[in-house]
Amino acid sequence: MGKRIADAAFETQPDGSIEDSEARIIVSELVAWMMDVPEDTPRQPDEIVRHTIEQMIIQGTINEVGSTIRGEKDRAKRRAVEAEIRSAAAVMASQATLSASGASAAEISAAIESNVTLLSSFYTDTK
């Protein structure tokens, strides 16, 4: 199930927007998250979709603003920015508008793209 959702999300991204290594990170995190529950309470499809969106927002934003983050000499500040991005991505994914009958690839893509753009705008170095 998680692989199908991740595949749908990756298929909607423009070529070159997400590297294979980044895709593997997202998929491995998704699989670990899906398995990190008691056997009698499996993750629900909506949870899986939203978690996938969250991870893709995180990865996309960090990819977009990585040079700005790495430019900060204070390690604590770099960690704080990454924590802010992760927290914001969780909220954004939880509020994404998705069909009750199941999220479409277009809905997933729109949620990812709009939120990566928004978050990136907060952290982009404007010098």
C-alpha atoms as a PDB file:
ATOM      1  CA  MET A   1       0.000   0.000   0.000  1.00  0.00           C
ATOM      2  CA  GLY A   2       2.701   2.505   0.996  1.00  0.00           C
ATOM      3  CA  LYS A   3       4.721   1.771  -2.133  1.00  0.00           C
ATOM      4  CA  ARG A   4       1.689   2.440  -4.374  1.00  0.00           C
ATOM      5  CA  ILE A   5       1.068   5.774  -2.652  1.00  0.00           C
ATOM      6  CA  ALA A   6       4.728   6.773  -2.882  1.00  0.00           C
ATOM      7  CA  ASP A   7       4.790   5.758  -6.552  1.00  0.00           C
ATOM      8  CA  ALA A   8       1.733   7.899  -7.263  1.00  0.00           C
ATOM      9  CA  ALA A   9       3.322  10.862  -5.503  1.00  0.00           C
ATOM     10  CA  PHE A  10       6.649  10.465  -7.319  1.00  0.00           C
ATOM     11  CA  GLU A  11       4.983  10.055 -10.726  1.00  0.00           C
ATOM     12  CA  THR A  12       3.403  13.492 -10.409  1.00  0.00           C
ATOM     13  CA  GLN A  13       6.705  15.246  -9.771  1.00  0.00           C
ATOM     14  CA  PRO A  14       8.522  16.886 -12.697  1.00  0.00           C
ATOM     15  CA  ASP A  15      11.636  15.096 -13.933  1.00  0.00           C
ATOM     16  CA  GLY A  16      14.632  15.976 -11.821  1.00  0.00           C
ATOM     17  CA  SER A  17      12.538  17.329  -8.945  1.00  0.00           C
ATOM     18  CA  ILE A  18      13.409  14.498  -6.621  1.00  0.00           C
ATOM     19  CA  GLU A  19      16.580  12.471  -6.824  1.00  0.00           C
ATOM     20  CA  ASP A  20      16.589   8.692  -6.515  1.00  0.00           C
ATOM     21  CA  SER A  21      18.460   8.906  -3.225  1.00  0.00           C
ATOM     22  CA  GLU A  22      15.840  11.292  -1.829  1.00  0.00           C
ATOM     23  CA  ALA A  23      13.064   9.006  -3.045  1.00  0.00           C
ATOM     24  CA  ARG A  24      14.712   6.076  -1.268  1.00  0.00           C
ATOM     25  CA  ILE A  25      14.919   8.106   1.954  1.00  0.00           C
ATOM     26  CA  ILE A  26      11.222   8.940   1.754  1.00  0.00           C
ATOM     27  CA  VAL A  27      10.179   5.373   0.958  1.00  0.00           C
ATOM     28  CA  SER A  28      12.370   3.877   3.691  1.00  0.00           C
ATOM     29  CA  GLU A  29      10.998   6.361   6.240  1.00  0.00           C
ATOM     30  CA  LEU A  30       7.460   5.598   5.111  1.00  0.00           C
ATOM     31  CA  VAL A  31       7.957   1.836   5.407  1.00  0.00           C
ATOM     32  CA  ALA A  32       9.551   2.175   8.865  1.00  0.00           C
ATOM     33  CA  TRP A  33       6.673   4.398   9.997  1.00  0.00           C
ATOM     34  CA  MET A  34       4.084   1.954   8.645  1.00  0.00           C
ATOM     35  CA  MET A  35       5.694  -0.950  10.466  1.00  0.00           C
ATOM     36  CA  ASP A  36       6.054   0.952  13.740  1.00  0.00           C
ATOM     37  CA  VAL A  37       2.576   0.096  15.014  1.00  0.00           C
ATOM     38  CA  PRO A  38       1.082  -2.909  16.783  1.00  0.00           C
ATOM     39  CA  GLU A  39      -0.029  -5.612  14.345  1.00  0.00           C
ATOM     40  CA  ASP A  40      -3.665  -5.274  15.373  1.00  0.00           C
ATOM     41  CA  THR A  41      -3.799  -1.553  14.501  1.00  0.00           C
ATOM     42  CA  PRO A  42      -2.519  -1.105  10.951  1.00  0.00           C
ATOM     43  CA  ARG A  43      -2.168   2.368   9.486  1.00  0.00           C
ATOM     44  CA  GLN A  44      -5.215   3.633   7.635  1.00  0.00           C
ATOM     45  CA  PRO A  45      -4.928   4.660   3.964  1.00  0.00           C
ATOM     46  CA  ASP A  46      -5.583   8.347   4.747  1.00  0.00           C
ATOM     47  CA  GLU A  47      -2.827   8.290   7.389  1.00  0.00           C
ATOM     48  CA  ILE A  48      -0.402   6.757   4.908  1.00  0.00           C
ATOM     49  CA  VAL A  49      -1.193   9.315   2.217  1.00  0.00           C
ATOM     50  CA  ARG A  50      -0.822  12.223   4.621  1.00  0.00           C
ATOM     51  CA  HIS A  51       2.430  10.867   6.033  1.00  0.00           C
ATOM     52  CA  THR A  52       3.779  10.466   2.492  1.00  0.00           C
ATOM     53  CA  ILE A  53       2.791  14.059   1.705  1.00  0.00           C
ATOM     54  CA  GLU A  54       4.456  15.215   4.933  1.00  0.00           C
ATOM     55  CA  GLN A  55       7.718  13.434   4.110  1.00  0.00           C
ATOM     56  CA  MET A  56       7.751  14.794   0.570  1.00  0.00           C
ATOM     57  CA  ILE A  57       7.116  18.343   1.805  1.00  0.00           C
ATOM     58  CA  ILE A  58      10.004  17.966   4.254  1.00  0.00           C
ATOM     59  CA  GLN A  59      12.390  16.543   1.679  1.00  0.00           C
ATOM     60  CA  GLY A  60      11.375  19.021  -1.026  1.00  0.00           C
ATOM     61  CA  THR A  61      11.703  22.020   1.270  1.00  0.00           C
ATOM     62  CA  ILE A  62      15.041  20.941   2.681  1.00  0.00           C
ATOM     63  CA  ASN A  63      16.233  20.319  -0.857  1.00  0.00           C
ATOM     64  CA  GLU A  64      15.135  23.827  -1.904  1.00  0.00           C
ATOM     65  CA  VAL A  65      16.590  25.708   1.067  1.00  0.00           C
ATOM     66  CA  GLY A  66      19.479  23.423   1.980  1.00  0.00           C
ATOM     67  CA  SER A  67      22.182  25.906   1.029  1.00  0.00           C
ATOM     68  CA  THR A  68      20.608  28.549   3.266  1.00  0.00           C
ATOM     69  CA  ILE A  69      20.364  26.109   6.160  1.00  0.00           C
ATOM     70  CA  ARG A  70      23.943  24.898   5.673  1.00  0.00           C
ATOM     71  CA  GLY A  71      25.092  28.526   5.551  1.00  0.00           C
ATOM     72  CA  GLU A  72      24.103  28.981   9.180  1.00  0.00           C
ATOM     73  CA  LYS A  73      27.180  28.399  11.341  1.00  0.00           C
ATOM     74  CA  ASP A  74      25.249  27.689  14.548  1.00  0.00           C
ATOM     75  CA  ARG A  75      24.385  23.994  14.663  1.00  0.00           C
ATOM     76  CA  ALA A  76      21.494  24.569  17.087  1.00  0.00           C
ATOM     77  CA  LYS A  77      19.920  27.085  14.698  1.00  0.00           C
ATOM     78  CA  ARG A  78      20.276  24.639  11.772  1.00  0.00           C
ATOM     79  CA  ARG A  79      18.539  21.946  13.807  1.00  0.00           C
ATOM     80  CA  ALA A  80      15.833  24.393  14.880  1.00  0.00           C
ATOM     81  CA  VAL A  81      15.079  25.317  11.263  1.00  0.00           C
ATOM     82  CA  GLU A  82      14.848  21.659  10.272  1.00  0.00           C
ATOM     83  CA  ALA A  83      12.545  20.989  13.247  1.00  0.00           C
ATOM     84  CA  GLU A  84      10.359  23.941  12.181  1.00  0.00           C
ATOM     85  CA  ILE A  85      10.152  22.575   8.644  1.00  0.00           C
ATOM     86  CA  ARG A  86       9.215  19.113   9.938  1.00  0.00           C
ATOM     87  CA  SER A  87       6.576  20.526  12.262  1.00  0.00           C
ATOM     88  CA  ALA A  88       5.076  22.770   9.574  1.00  0.00           C
ATOM     89  CA  ALA A  89       5.035  19.895   7.074  1.00  0.00           C
ATOM     90  CA  ALA A  90       3.099  17.727   9.532  1.00  0.00           C
ATOM     91  CA  VAL A  91       0.476  20.448   9.969  1.00  0.00           C
ATOM     92  CA  MET A  92       0.286  21.121   6.223  1.00  0.00           C
ATOM     93  CA  ALA A  93      -0.125  17.433   5.392  1.00  0.00           C
ATOM     94  CA  SER A  94      -2.840  17.053   8.021  1.00  0.00           C
ATOM     95  CA  GLN A  95      -4.747  19.961   6.458  1.00  0.00           C
ATOM     96  CA  ALA A  96      -4.313  18.961   2.805  1.00  0.00           C
ATOM     97  CA  THR A  97      -7.576  18.764   0.897  1.00  0.00           C
ATOM     98  CA  LEU A  98      -8.022  15.166  -0.235  1.00  0.00           C
ATOM     99  CA  SER A  99     -11.034  13.316  -1.589  1.00  0.00           C
ATOM    100  CA  ALA A 100     -12.920  11.246   0.963  1.00  0.00           C
ATOM    101  CA  SER A 101     -13.025   8.400  -1.548  1.00  0.00           C
ATOM    102  CA  GLY A 102      -9.231   8.333  -1.808  1.00  0.00           C
ATOM    103  CA  ALA A 103      -6.629  10.898  -2.731  1.00  0.00           C
ATOM    104  CA  SER A 104      -5.831  11.313  -6.397  1.00  0.00           C
ATOM    105  CA  ALA A 105      -2.307  11.767  -7.714  1.00  0.00           C
ATOM    106  CA  ALA A 106      -3.249  15.346  -8.658  1.00  0.00           C
ATOM    107  CA  GLU A 107      -4.371  16.123  -5.091  1.00  0.00           C
ATOM    108  CA  ILE A 108      -1.195  14.642  -3.650  1.00  0.00           C
ATOM    109  CA  SER A 109       0.947  16.575  -6.108  1.00  0.00           C
ATOM    110  CA  ALA A 110      -0.876  19.850  -5.439  1.00  0.00           C
ATOM    111  CA  ALA A 111      -0.490  19.426  -1.671  1.00  0.00           C
ATOM    112  CA  ILE A 112       3.222  18.762  -2.021  1.00  0.00           C
ATOM    113  CA  GLU A 113       4.034  21.470  -4.556  1.00  0.00           C
ATOM    114  CA  SER A 114       2.072  24.297  -2.957  1.00  0.00           C
ATOM    115  CA  ASN A 115       3.416  23.599   0.511  1.00  0.00           C
ATOM    116  CA  VAL A 116       7.044  23.159  -0.579  1.00  0.00           C
ATOM    117  CA  THR A 117       6.788  26.498  -2.382  1.00  0.00           C
ATOM    118  CA  LEU A 118       5.254  28.177   0.664  1.00  0.00           C
ATOM    119  CA  LEU A 119       7.725  26.746   3.185  1.00  0.00           C
ATOM    120  CA  SER A 120      10.691  27.424   0.914  1.00  0.00           C
ATOM    121  CA  SER A 121       9.678  31.064   0.666  1.00  0.00           C
ATOM    122  CA  PHE A 122      10.085  31.411   4.444  1.00  0.00           C
ATOM    123  CA  TYR A 123      13.634  30.076   4.450  1.00  0.00           C
ATOM    124  CA  THR A 124      15.100  31.172   1.139  1.00  0.00           C
ATOM    125  CA  ASP A 125      18.108  33.429   1.473  1.00  0.00           C
ATOM    126  CA  THR A 126      17.052  36.715  -0.143  1.00  0.00           C
ATOM    127  CA  LYS A 127      20.463  38.409  -0.080  1.00  0.00           C
END
